[in-house]
Amino acid sequence: MHETGDNWEFLLGDYNHDGHLDLYCINKRDTGSKTTEVHILSGASQYKNFILHTDTKLHETDDNWKFCLGDFNGDGNLDLFCIARKCTGSKTTEVHILSGASNFHTFIMNTGTGLHETDGNWDFGVSDYCGNGKKDLYCIAKRNTGSKKTEVHVLSGSSNFKNFVLNTSTDMHETDDDYLFYPDGNNLYMVKRRGENSTEVHILNI
C-alpha cells in the first residue's frame, strides 16, 4: 500500500473468514471510480497482498463521514457502516450500511437516526451493547458536552437506530482528536495517541 493522506480511513476485520484480521483501506475521495472505494489487505500475508479492490454503491465522501465494521444482518459477513454526521437530508446523523456479502455494492439500510446532526466533536463505533446479537451504534461526544465529560450515547440496532438504550456521561474528561475509541459490549477502549511520553490506553465500563 502506498503512502496515504486524510482521504483514507482504516478498519480491521476478518473479511475472508480465515481467522486473521484483514486491513480495510477506505478511499473516501479522489478515487478513479468516483465512489468511495474499499481495498482490503490480507492479514494472513502480513498485509503484503490485497484480497479485494472494489468501488462501492456510495458516492465519494469527505470528513463528514465515519466508517465502522459489523455484521448487521447476521449473515456472517462484515458490513460497512457509513455514518453521515451532518448536511444530511433527514437533518439527523444518518446510517447507511453496505452489505459485505455483495462486496459493498448493495445497501441493506439507509436511515436517519434518533441523533441530531453531529460534527468532528463526535466519534462512532459499532458493537452489541444490548447483548441481543444485534449491532448497536455507539455515539461518543468527545467535547463541548453538557456534563463537561466524554459522553456515550448508544442507539439500538433493533430499533434501526431510532431509539437510545444508553445516554451517560463517563469518568473521562472531555477529549480531543488525540483519542481513538473502540467499543466492545459494555467496555469502551480509549487510545490516547500522544500521552505523557507514551501512547495510553484507558478502558471504561459503561
Protein backbone atom coordinates (compact mmCIF):
# COMPACT_ATOMS: atom_id res chain seq x y z
CA MET A 1 0.00 0.00 0.00
CA HIS A 2 1.39 3.38 -0.98
CA GLU A 3 1.54 6.27 1.47
CA THR A 4 -1.91 7.72 2.13
CA GLY A 5 -3.48 11.03 3.14
CA ASP A 6 -6.52 12.16 5.08
CA ASN A 7 -8.84 10.94 2.33
CA TRP A 8 -8.26 7.40 3.64
CA GLU A 9 -9.70 5.63 6.70
CA PHE A 10 -8.64 2.22 8.06
CA LEU A 11 -10.51 -0.59 9.82
CA LEU A 12 -9.66 -4.13 10.98
CA GLY A 13 -11.88 -7.16 10.40
CA ASP A 14 -11.80 -10.76 9.15
CA TYR A 15 -13.05 -10.40 5.56
CA ASN A 16 -12.37 -13.91 4.27
CA HIS A 17 -13.10 -15.89 7.47
CA ASP A 18 -9.58 -17.31 7.79
CA GLY A 19 -9.11 -16.25 11.41
CA HIS A 20 -6.79 -13.34 10.55
CA LEU A 21 -7.66 -9.66 10.89
CA ASP A 22 -7.52 -8.04 7.46
CA LEU A 23 -6.96 -4.32 6.89
CA TYR A 24 -9.83 -2.45 5.24
CA CYS A 25 -8.47 0.63 3.46
CA ILE A 26 -11.35 3.02 2.75
CA ASN A 27 -10.56 5.54 0.00
CA LYS A 28 -13.13 8.27 0.54
CA ARG A 29 -12.44 10.69 -2.29
CA ASP A 30 -10.21 11.41 -5.29
CA THR A 31 -10.86 7.87 -6.50
CA GLY A 32 -10.76 6.57 -10.04
CA SER A 33 -14.31 5.21 -9.78
CA LYS A 34 -15.77 8.45 -8.35
CA THR A 35 -17.17 6.34 -5.49
CA THR A 36 -15.94 5.55 -2.00
CA GLU A 37 -13.68 2.54 -2.57
CA VAL A 38 -12.72 -0.44 -0.39
CA HIS A 39 -9.29 -2.07 -0.68
CA ILE A 40 -8.54 -4.99 1.68
CA LEU A 41 -5.05 -6.20 2.62
CA SER A 42 -4.79 -9.81 3.82
CA GLY A 43 -3.80 -10.33 7.45
CA ALA A 44 -2.54 -13.82 6.57
CA SER A 45 0.01 -12.25 4.20
CA GLN A 46 1.07 -9.76 6.92
CA TYR A 47 -0.64 -7.08 4.83
CA LYS A 48 1.50 -7.61 1.76
CA ASN A 49 -1.28 -8.87 -0.58
CA PHE A 50 -4.64 -7.42 -1.50
CA ILE A 51 -7.70 -9.68 -1.45
CA LEU A 52 -10.19 -7.06 -2.65
CA HIS A 53 -10.21 -3.90 -4.73
CA THR A 54 -13.68 -2.53 -5.34
CA ASP A 55 -15.78 0.52 -5.88
CA THR A 56 -18.98 0.74 -3.79
CA LYS A 57 -22.55 1.97 -4.05
CA LEU A 58 -21.60 5.05 -2.00
CA HIS A 59 -20.53 8.29 -3.66
CA GLU A 60 -17.20 9.89 -2.78
CA THR A 61 -17.20 11.10 0.83
CA ASP A 62 -15.48 13.70 2.98
CA ASP A 63 -14.70 14.31 6.65
CA ASN A 64 -18.42 14.44 7.47
CA TRP A 65 -18.38 10.65 7.11
CA LYS A 66 -17.17 7.99 9.56
CA PHE A 67 -16.85 4.25 8.84
CA CYS A 68 -17.26 1.18 11.06
CA LEU A 69 -17.48 -2.59 10.55
CA GLY A 70 -20.07 -5.01 11.91
CA ASP A 71 -22.32 -7.87 10.83
CA PHE A 72 -25.68 -6.08 10.86
CA ASN A 73 -27.92 -8.66 9.18
CA GLY A 74 -26.46 -11.78 10.79
CA ASP A 75 -25.23 -13.43 7.58
CA GLY A 76 -21.68 -13.92 8.87
CA ASN A 77 -20.16 -11.17 6.71
CA LEU A 78 -18.84 -7.84 7.96
CA ASP A 79 -20.93 -4.97 6.61
CA LEU A 80 -19.67 -1.40 6.21
CA PHE A 81 -21.45 1.18 8.36
CA CYS A 82 -21.21 4.57 6.64
CA ILE A 83 -22.18 7.32 9.08
CA ALA A 84 -23.08 10.75 7.72
CA ARG A 85 -22.65 13.25 10.53
CA LYS A 86 -24.09 16.44 9.04
CA CYS A 87 -25.50 18.06 5.89
CA THR A 88 -27.97 15.17 5.67
CA GLY A 89 -31.40 15.13 4.09
CA SER A 90 -33.02 13.95 7.31
CA LYS A 91 -31.32 16.61 9.48
CA THR A 92 -30.11 13.77 11.70
CA THR A 93 -26.93 11.72 11.86
CA GLU A 94 -27.61 9.04 9.25
CA VAL A 95 -26.55 5.39 8.97
CA HIS A 96 -26.03 3.80 5.55
CA ILE A 97 -24.96 0.14 5.64
CA LEU A 98 -23.27 -1.53 2.67
CA SER A 99 -23.60 -5.31 2.51
CA GLY A 100 -20.36 -7.23 2.93
CA ALA A 101 -21.91 -10.20 1.11
CA SER A 102 -22.33 -8.03 -2.00
CA ASN A 103 -18.76 -6.68 -1.74
CA PHE A 104 -20.30 -3.34 -0.77
CA HIS A 105 -22.36 -2.90 -3.95
CA THR A 106 -25.75 -3.09 -2.21
CA PHE A 107 -27.22 -1.10 0.67
CA ILE A 108 -29.08 -3.04 3.34
CA MET A 109 -30.08 0.09 5.25
CA ASN A 110 -30.35 3.83 4.66
CA THR A 111 -31.86 5.64 7.61
CA GLY A 112 -31.97 8.73 9.73
CA THR A 113 -31.36 8.10 13.43
CA GLY A 114 -32.51 9.38 16.79
CA LEU A 115 -29.37 11.55 16.99
CA HIS A 116 -29.23 15.13 15.74
CA GLU A 117 -26.64 16.12 13.14
CA THR A 118 -23.12 15.94 14.55
CA ASP A 119 -19.61 17.21 13.78
CA GLY A 120 -15.97 16.44 14.50
CA ASN A 121 -16.67 16.56 18.25
CA TRP A 122 -18.33 13.15 17.82
CA ASP A 123 -16.91 9.71 17.12
CA PHE A 124 -18.70 6.43 16.41
CA GLY A 125 -18.32 2.70 16.88
CA VAL A 126 -20.32 -0.49 16.45
CA SER A 127 -20.76 -3.34 18.94
CA ASP A 128 -23.53 -5.31 20.69
CA TYR A 129 -24.33 -3.27 23.79
CA CYS A 130 -27.70 -4.89 24.48
CA GLY A 131 -26.43 -8.46 24.20
CA ASN A 132 -29.19 -9.46 21.77
CA GLY A 133 -26.96 -10.27 18.81
CA LYS A 134 -27.78 -7.00 17.03
CA LYS A 135 -25.11 -4.37 16.39
CA ASP A 136 -25.76 -1.08 18.16
CA LEU A 137 -24.28 2.33 17.32
CA TYR A 138 -22.08 3.98 19.95
CA CYS A 139 -22.14 7.76 19.57
CA ILE A 140 -19.30 9.32 21.56
CA ALA A 141 -19.49 13.03 22.37
CA LYS A 142 -15.86 13.96 22.99
CA ARG A 143 -16.11 17.62 23.92
CA ASN A 144 -18.47 20.59 24.27
CA THR A 145 -20.79 18.37 26.31
CA GLY A 146 -23.28 19.46 28.96
CA SER A 147 -21.62 17.26 31.58
CA LYS A 148 -18.08 18.50 30.80
CA LYS A 149 -17.17 14.81 30.44
CA THR A 150 -16.81 12.48 27.47
CA GLU A 151 -20.33 11.11 26.94
CA VAL A 152 -21.59 7.85 25.44
CA HIS A 153 -24.96 7.60 23.70
CA VAL A 154 -25.95 4.19 22.30
CA LEU A 155 -28.57 3.81 19.55
CA SER A 156 -30.27 0.43 19.42
CA GLY A 157 -29.72 -1.64 16.28
CA SER A 158 -33.00 -3.47 16.90
CA SER A 159 -34.84 -0.14 16.55
CA ASN A 160 -32.92 0.65 13.33
CA PHE A 161 -31.02 3.29 15.34
CA LYS A 162 -34.13 5.31 16.19
CA ASN A 163 -34.09 4.72 19.97
CA PHE A 164 -31.41 5.26 22.59
CA VAL A 165 -30.62 2.49 25.07
CA LEU A 166 -27.94 4.50 26.88
CA ASN A 167 -27.23 8.18 27.47
CA THR A 168 -24.48 8.70 30.00
CA SER A 169 -21.54 10.81 30.99
CA THR A 170 -18.35 8.95 31.89
CA ASP A 171 -15.46 9.32 34.32
CA MET A 172 -13.29 10.59 31.45
CA HIS A 173 -12.78 14.32 31.00
CA GLU A 174 -13.65 15.88 27.65
CA THR A 175 -11.38 14.51 24.94
CA ASP A 176 -9.92 15.65 21.64
CA ASP A 177 -8.71 14.22 18.34
CA ASP A 178 -5.75 12.54 20.06
CA TYR A 179 -8.23 9.94 21.33
CA LEU A 180 -9.46 6.92 19.37
CA PHE A 181 -12.49 4.94 20.59
CA TYR A 182 -13.23 1.22 20.28
CA PRO A 183 -16.42 -0.12 21.88
CA ASP A 184 -16.75 -3.77 22.89
CA GLY A 185 -20.05 -4.55 24.58
CA ASN A 186 -20.06 -2.79 27.96
CA ASN A 187 -16.44 -1.70 27.62
CA LEU A 188 -15.11 1.35 25.82
CA TYR A 189 -11.42 1.25 24.92
CA MET A 190 -9.82 4.68 24.50
CA VAL A 191 -6.38 5.06 22.97
CA LYS A 192 -4.61 8.37 23.52
CA ARG A 193 -2.01 8.67 20.82
CA ARG A 194 0.02 11.42 22.49
CA GLY A 195 0.09 10.80 26.23
CA GLU A 196 2.79 11.66 28.75
CA ASN A 197 5.79 10.26 26.85
CA SER A 198 3.80 7.21 25.70
CA THR A 199 0.64 6.04 23.96
CA GLU A 200 -2.00 5.48 26.65
CA VAL A 201 -4.91 3.03 26.88
CA HIS A 202 -7.94 3.79 29.08
CA ILE A 203 -10.81 1.31 29.45
CA LEU A 204 -14.24 2.43 30.66
CA ASN A 205 -17.02 0.13 31.78
CA ILE A 206 -20.28 1.71 30.62
